[in-house]
Amino acid sequence: MEAPNLELQREFFDLRMQQLRYEKNLKLRTLQIYTRLTYGFLYRIEHGKQSPSLDSMTKIFKVLGVTFDGFFHTKNFQQGKKY
């Protein structure tokens, strides 16, 4: 039963990351430069193929200009929309 829940969490994370990156007008390559994470790793996160560590999330959120609470706050999140 936990696999679908994990899948929903990954889908939320990748869509939310895309949304915030889109709003900041950041290319994935730019995010790579500022976070010092590999392009492939960021790509896999955005496509739900890999889950980020706490350290990776911290780097990503800093560049996106959000806190953990701000990232997971869903008021302005449009689920199902691809960015």
N, C-alpha and C. Protein backbone atom coordinates (compact mmCIF):
# COMPACT_ATOMS: atom_id res chain seq x y z
N MET A 1 0.81 -1.20 0.00
CA MET A 1 0.00 0.00 0.00
C MET A 1 0.85 1.27 0.00
N GLU A 2 2.08 1.18 0.44
CA GLU A 2 2.89 2.39 0.52
C GLU A 2 3.46 2.80 -0.83
N ALA A 3 3.55 1.91 -1.78
CA ALA A 3 4.11 2.25 -3.09
C ALA A 3 3.31 3.35 -3.79
N PRO A 4 1.96 3.26 -3.85
CA PRO A 4 1.20 4.36 -4.49
C PRO A 4 1.41 5.68 -3.77
N ASN A 5 1.49 5.67 -2.44
CA ASN A 5 1.71 6.89 -1.68
C ASN A 5 3.06 7.50 -2.02
N LEU A 6 4.08 6.67 -2.13
CA LEU A 6 5.40 7.14 -2.51
C LEU A 6 5.37 7.71 -3.92
N GLU A 7 4.63 7.06 -4.81
CA GLU A 7 4.50 7.53 -6.19
C GLU A 7 3.82 8.90 -6.23
N LEU A 8 2.80 9.10 -5.43
CA LEU A 8 2.12 10.40 -5.37
C LEU A 8 3.05 11.48 -4.82
N GLN A 9 3.87 11.12 -3.84
CA GLN A 9 4.83 12.08 -3.29
C GLN A 9 5.85 12.48 -4.33
N ARG A 10 6.33 11.53 -5.10
CA ARG A 10 7.29 11.84 -6.16
C ARG A 10 6.66 12.71 -7.23
N GLU A 11 5.41 12.40 -7.59
CA GLU A 11 4.73 13.19 -8.61
C GLU A 11 4.53 14.62 -8.12
N PHE A 12 4.12 14.77 -6.85
CA PHE A 12 3.97 16.11 -6.31
C PHE A 12 5.30 16.85 -6.35
N PHE A 13 6.35 16.20 -5.89
CA PHE A 13 7.66 16.84 -5.80
C PHE A 13 8.13 17.30 -7.17
N ASP A 14 8.03 16.40 -8.17
CA ASP A 14 8.54 16.78 -9.49
C ASP A 14 7.72 17.89 -10.13
N LEU A 15 6.40 17.84 -9.98
CA LEU A 15 5.57 18.90 -10.56
C LEU A 15 5.78 20.23 -9.84
N ARG A 16 5.91 20.16 -8.53
CA ARG A 16 6.11 21.39 -7.74
C ARG A 16 7.47 22.02 -8.07
N MET A 17 8.49 21.17 -8.22
CA MET A 17 9.82 21.67 -8.58
C MET A 17 9.77 22.34 -9.96
N GLN A 18 9.09 21.70 -10.90
CA GLN A 18 8.95 22.28 -12.23
C GLN A 18 8.20 23.61 -12.17
N GLN A 19 7.13 23.65 -11.37
CA GLN A 19 6.34 24.88 -11.26
C GLN A 19 7.20 26.03 -10.74
N LEU A 20 7.92 25.81 -9.66
CA LEU A 20 8.73 26.87 -9.07
C LEU A 20 9.87 27.27 -10.00
N ARG A 21 10.45 26.31 -10.67
CA ARG A 21 11.54 26.61 -11.61
C ARG A 21 11.00 27.44 -12.78
N TYR A 22 9.82 27.09 -13.25
CA TYR A 22 9.16 27.84 -14.32
C TYR A 22 8.86 29.27 -13.88
N GLU A 23 8.33 29.42 -12.68
CA GLU A 23 8.01 30.76 -12.15
C GLU A 23 9.25 31.63 -12.01
N LYS A 24 10.38 31.01 -11.70
CA LYS A 24 11.65 31.74 -11.55
C LYS A 24 12.38 31.87 -12.89
N ASN A 25 11.80 31.30 -13.94
CA ASN A 25 12.40 31.32 -15.27
C ASN A 25 13.81 30.71 -15.26
N LEU A 26 13.94 29.59 -14.56
CA LEU A 26 15.23 28.89 -14.45
C LEU A 26 15.23 27.65 -15.32
N LYS A 27 16.23 27.50 -16.12
CA LYS A 27 16.45 26.27 -16.88
C LYS A 27 17.03 25.23 -15.91
N LEU A 28 16.86 23.98 -16.27
CA LEU A 28 17.41 22.92 -15.44
C LEU A 28 18.93 23.04 -15.35
N ARG A 29 19.57 23.45 -16.44
CA ARG A 29 21.04 23.66 -16.43
C ARG A 29 21.44 24.76 -15.45
N THR A 30 20.64 25.80 -15.36
CA THR A 30 20.93 26.88 -14.42
C THR A 30 20.80 26.38 -12.99
N LEU A 31 19.76 25.60 -12.73
CA LEU A 31 19.58 25.01 -11.40
C LEU A 31 20.77 24.10 -11.07
N GLN A 32 21.25 23.39 -12.07
CA GLN A 32 22.41 22.53 -11.88
C GLN A 32 23.62 23.34 -11.44
N ILE A 33 23.86 24.45 -12.09
CA ILE A 33 25.02 25.29 -11.77
C ILE A 33 24.93 25.82 -10.35
N TYR A 34 23.76 26.34 -9.97
CA TYR A 34 23.62 26.95 -8.65
C TYR A 34 23.58 25.94 -7.51
N THR A 35 23.06 24.74 -7.78
CA THR A 35 22.97 23.74 -6.71
C THR A 35 24.21 22.85 -6.64
N ARG A 36 24.97 22.83 -7.72
CA ARG A 36 26.13 21.94 -7.85
C ARG A 36 25.73 20.47 -7.80
N LEU A 37 24.49 20.19 -8.20
CA LEU A 37 24.02 18.83 -8.37
C LEU A 37 24.10 18.50 -9.86
N THR A 38 24.20 17.25 -10.20
CA THR A 38 24.35 16.93 -11.62
C THR A 38 23.03 17.14 -12.36
N TYR A 39 23.17 17.42 -13.65
CA TYR A 39 22.00 17.61 -14.50
C TYR A 39 21.15 16.34 -14.51
N GLY A 40 21.81 15.20 -14.66
CA GLY A 40 21.09 13.93 -14.69
C GLY A 40 20.30 13.67 -13.42
N PHE A 41 20.88 13.99 -12.29
CA PHE A 41 20.20 13.81 -11.00
C PHE A 41 18.96 14.70 -10.93
N LEU A 42 19.11 15.97 -11.29
CA LEU A 42 17.97 16.90 -11.26
C LEU A 42 16.89 16.47 -12.25
N TYR A 43 17.31 16.01 -13.41
CA TYR A 43 16.37 15.53 -14.41
C TYR A 43 15.56 14.35 -13.87
N ARG A 44 16.25 13.41 -13.24
CA ARG A 44 15.56 12.23 -12.68
C ARG A 44 14.60 12.63 -11.56
N ILE A 45 14.96 13.63 -10.77
CA ILE A 45 14.05 14.11 -9.73
C ILE A 45 12.80 14.69 -10.37
N GLU A 46 12.98 15.57 -11.36
CA GLU A 46 11.84 16.22 -12.01
C GLU A 46 10.96 15.25 -12.78
N HIS A 47 11.47 14.11 -13.12
CA HIS A 47 10.67 13.14 -13.85
C HIS A 47 10.25 11.95 -12.99
N GLY A 48 10.38 12.12 -11.68
CA GLY A 48 9.89 11.12 -10.74
C GLY A 48 10.65 9.82 -10.73
N LYS A 49 11.87 9.84 -11.22
CA LYS A 49 12.68 8.62 -11.28
C LYS A 49 13.59 8.45 -10.07
N GLN A 50 13.77 9.54 -9.33
CA GLN A 50 14.66 9.49 -8.16
C GLN A 50 14.14 10.46 -7.11
N SER A 51 14.35 10.11 -5.87
CA SER A 51 13.96 10.99 -4.76
C SER A 51 15.20 11.71 -4.25
N PRO A 52 15.06 13.00 -3.98
CA PRO A 52 16.22 13.76 -3.48
C PRO A 52 16.46 13.51 -1.99
N SER A 53 17.70 13.64 -1.60
CA SER A 53 18.04 13.57 -0.18
C SER A 53 17.68 14.90 0.47
N LEU A 54 17.74 14.92 1.78
CA LEU A 54 17.48 16.15 2.51
C LEU A 54 18.48 17.24 2.12
N ASP A 55 19.74 16.86 1.95
CA ASP A 55 20.76 17.80 1.54
C ASP A 55 20.47 18.36 0.14
N SER A 56 20.07 17.50 -0.78
CA SER A 56 19.74 17.94 -2.13
C SER A 56 18.53 18.88 -2.13
N MET A 57 17.51 18.53 -1.34
CA MET A 57 16.32 19.38 -1.25
C MET A 57 16.70 20.77 -0.73
N THR A 58 17.56 20.81 0.27
CA THR A 58 18.00 22.09 0.84
C THR A 58 18.64 22.96 -0.24
N LYS A 59 19.51 22.37 -1.04
CA LYS A 59 20.17 23.12 -2.12
C LYS A 59 19.17 23.60 -3.17
N ILE A 60 18.27 22.73 -3.55
CA ILE A 60 17.26 23.07 -4.56
C ILE A 60 16.35 24.19 -4.05
N PHE A 61 15.86 24.04 -2.81
CA PHE A 61 14.94 25.03 -2.26
C PHE A 61 15.61 26.39 -2.11
N LYS A 62 16.89 26.40 -1.76
CA LYS A 62 17.61 27.67 -1.62
C LYS A 62 17.64 28.41 -2.95
N VAL A 63 17.95 27.70 -4.02
CA VAL A 63 17.99 28.33 -5.34
C VAL A 63 16.59 28.76 -5.79
N LEU A 64 15.60 27.95 -5.49
CA LEU A 64 14.23 28.29 -5.87
C LEU A 64 13.62 29.37 -4.98
N GLY A 65 14.31 29.70 -3.90
CA GLY A 65 13.85 30.77 -3.02
C GLY A 65 12.66 30.40 -2.16
N VAL A 66 12.58 29.13 -1.77
CA VAL A 66 11.49 28.69 -0.91
C VAL A 66 12.02 27.95 0.30
N THR A 67 11.23 27.92 1.33
CA THR A 67 11.53 27.13 2.52
C THR A 67 10.90 25.75 2.32
N PHE A 68 11.18 24.84 3.23
CA PHE A 68 10.53 23.53 3.16
C PHE A 68 9.02 23.70 3.24
N ASP A 69 8.56 24.52 4.18
CA ASP A 69 7.12 24.76 4.29
C ASP A 69 6.55 25.37 3.02
N GLY A 70 7.27 26.33 2.47
CA GLY A 70 6.81 26.99 1.25
C GLY A 70 6.74 26.05 0.07
N PHE A 71 7.66 25.13 0.00
CA PHE A 71 7.66 24.17 -1.11
C PHE A 71 6.44 23.26 -1.02
N PHE A 72 6.17 22.79 0.18
CA PHE A 72 5.09 21.82 0.34
C PHE A 72 3.73 22.47 0.57
N HIS A 73 3.68 23.78 0.68
CA HIS A 73 2.41 24.49 0.79
C HIS A 73 1.74 24.48 -0.57
N THR A 74 0.53 24.01 -0.65
CA THR A 74 -0.10 23.75 -1.95
C THR A 74 -1.10 24.81 -2.39
N LYS A 75 -1.17 25.94 -1.75
CA LYS A 75 -2.17 26.95 -2.10
C LYS A 75 -2.11 27.33 -3.58
N ASN A 76 -0.91 27.56 -4.10
CA ASN A 76 -0.76 27.99 -5.48
C ASN A 76 -0.32 26.89 -6.42
N PHE A 77 -0.43 25.65 -5.97
CA PHE A 77 0.03 24.52 -6.77
C PHE A 77 -1.12 24.01 -7.63
N GLN A 78 -0.86 23.85 -8.92
CA GLN A 78 -1.86 23.33 -9.83
C GLN A 78 -1.49 21.91 -10.20
N GLN A 79 -2.05 20.95 -9.48
CA GLN A 79 -1.72 19.55 -9.73
C GLN A 79 -2.20 19.12 -11.10
N GLY A 80 -1.37 18.30 -11.73
CA GLY A 80 -1.72 17.80 -13.04
C GLY A 80 -1.21 18.64 -14.18
N LYS A 81 -0.77 19.86 -13.91
CA LYS A 81 -0.25 20.72 -14.96
C LYS A 81 1.23 20.47 -15.12
N LYS A 82 1.64 20.21 -16.34
CA LYS A 82 3.07 20.03 -16.63
C LYS A 82 3.64 21.37 -17.04
N TYR A 83 4.82 21.67 -16.53
CA TYR A 83 5.47 22.96 -16.81
C TYR A 83 6.54 22.83 -17.83
